[in-house]
Protein backbone atom coordinates (compact mmCIF):
# COMPACT_ATOMS: atom_id res chain seq x y z
CA UNK A 1 -11.54 -207.20 0.73
CA UNK A 2 -8.59 -208.97 2.35
CA UNK A 3 -7.62 -209.37 5.95
CA UNK A 4 -7.84 -206.17 8.01
CA UNK A 5 -4.56 -204.32 8.43
CA UNK A 6 -3.57 -204.64 12.08
CA UNK A 7 -0.61 -202.49 13.16
CA UNK A 8 1.61 -203.33 16.10
CA UNK A 9 3.19 -200.67 18.32
CA UNK A 10 6.49 -201.61 19.95
CA UNK A 11 8.64 -200.08 22.65
CA UNK A 12 12.31 -199.17 22.26
CA UNK A 13 13.39 -202.80 22.75
CA UNK A 14 11.02 -204.08 20.07
CA UNK A 15 8.46 -205.58 22.48
CA UNK A 16 4.86 -205.16 21.29
CA UNK A 17 2.95 -202.81 23.59
CA UNK A 18 -0.24 -202.10 21.66
CA UNK A 19 -2.13 -202.75 18.45
CA UNK A 20 -4.04 -200.51 16.09
CA UNK A 21 -7.03 -202.15 14.40
CA UNK A 22 -9.43 -200.75 11.78
CA UNK A 23 -12.56 -199.24 13.35
CA UNK A 24 -14.89 -201.74 11.64
CA UNK A 25 -12.98 -204.63 13.18
CA UNK A 26 -12.95 -202.91 16.58
CA UNK A 27 -16.74 -202.42 16.46
CA UNK A 28 -17.19 -206.09 15.59
CA UNK A 29 -14.98 -207.10 18.53
CA UNK A 30 -16.89 -204.76 20.89
CA UNK A 31 -20.21 -206.18 19.74
CA UNK A 32 -19.08 -209.77 20.25
CA UNK A 33 -17.74 -208.96 23.74
CA UNK A 34 -20.98 -207.21 24.72
CA UNK A 35 -23.06 -210.14 23.49
CA UNK A 36 -20.86 -212.63 25.36
CA UNK A 37 -21.20 -210.53 28.53
CA UNK A 38 -24.99 -210.38 28.21
CA UNK A 39 -25.26 -214.11 27.56
CA UNK A 40 -23.54 -214.87 30.90
CA UNK A 41 -26.77 -213.94 32.66
CA UNK A 42 -29.43 -216.68 32.32
CA UNK A 43 -32.21 -214.08 32.50
CA UNK A 44 -30.61 -211.90 29.82
CA UNK A 45 -29.90 -214.94 27.64
CA UNK A 46 -33.59 -215.88 27.83
CA UNK A 47 -34.71 -212.32 27.03
CA UNK A 48 -32.38 -212.06 24.04
CA UNK A 49 -33.55 -215.41 22.69
CA UNK A 50 -37.19 -214.40 23.15
CA UNK A 51 -36.57 -211.13 21.31
CA UNK A 52 -34.79 -212.92 18.48
CA UNK A 53 -37.65 -215.42 18.11
CA UNK A 54 -40.39 -212.82 18.48
CA UNK A 55 -42.99 -212.61 15.73
CA UNK A 56 -43.83 -209.03 16.75
CA UNK A 57 -41.16 -207.46 14.57
CA UNK A 58 -41.56 -204.42 12.33
CA UNK A 59 -39.37 -203.19 9.49
CA UNK A 60 -36.53 -200.83 10.42
CA UNK A 61 -38.01 -197.98 8.35
CA UNK A 62 -41.34 -198.31 10.16
CA UNK A 63 -39.59 -198.19 13.54
CA UNK A 64 -37.78 -195.01 12.50
CA UNK A 65 -41.06 -193.42 11.43
CA UNK A 66 -42.71 -194.34 14.75
CA UNK A 67 -39.78 -192.71 16.54
CA UNK A 68 -40.22 -189.55 14.46
CA UNK A 69 -37.24 -189.95 12.15
CA UNK A 70 -37.51 -189.38 8.44
CA UNK A 71 -36.57 -192.45 6.43
CA UNK A 72 -35.43 -190.75 3.23
CA UNK A 73 -31.81 -191.61 2.55
CA UNK A 74 -31.77 -194.82 4.61
């Protein structure tokens, strides 16, 4: 897949006023912004790092089952 198709919206004089981006790219941008925001807090940064390094992880399917979701089709 190539570069995402970004569309520019211009006013009557040709000045760009907005952009339209594919939803997958937008979700990636949102995720990166949220992570950057969370990492500004030293306490949150420490908690995220602890969670990432945790050895107490379970598979996604097992988590779904514990939450009462059926895992068929995932």
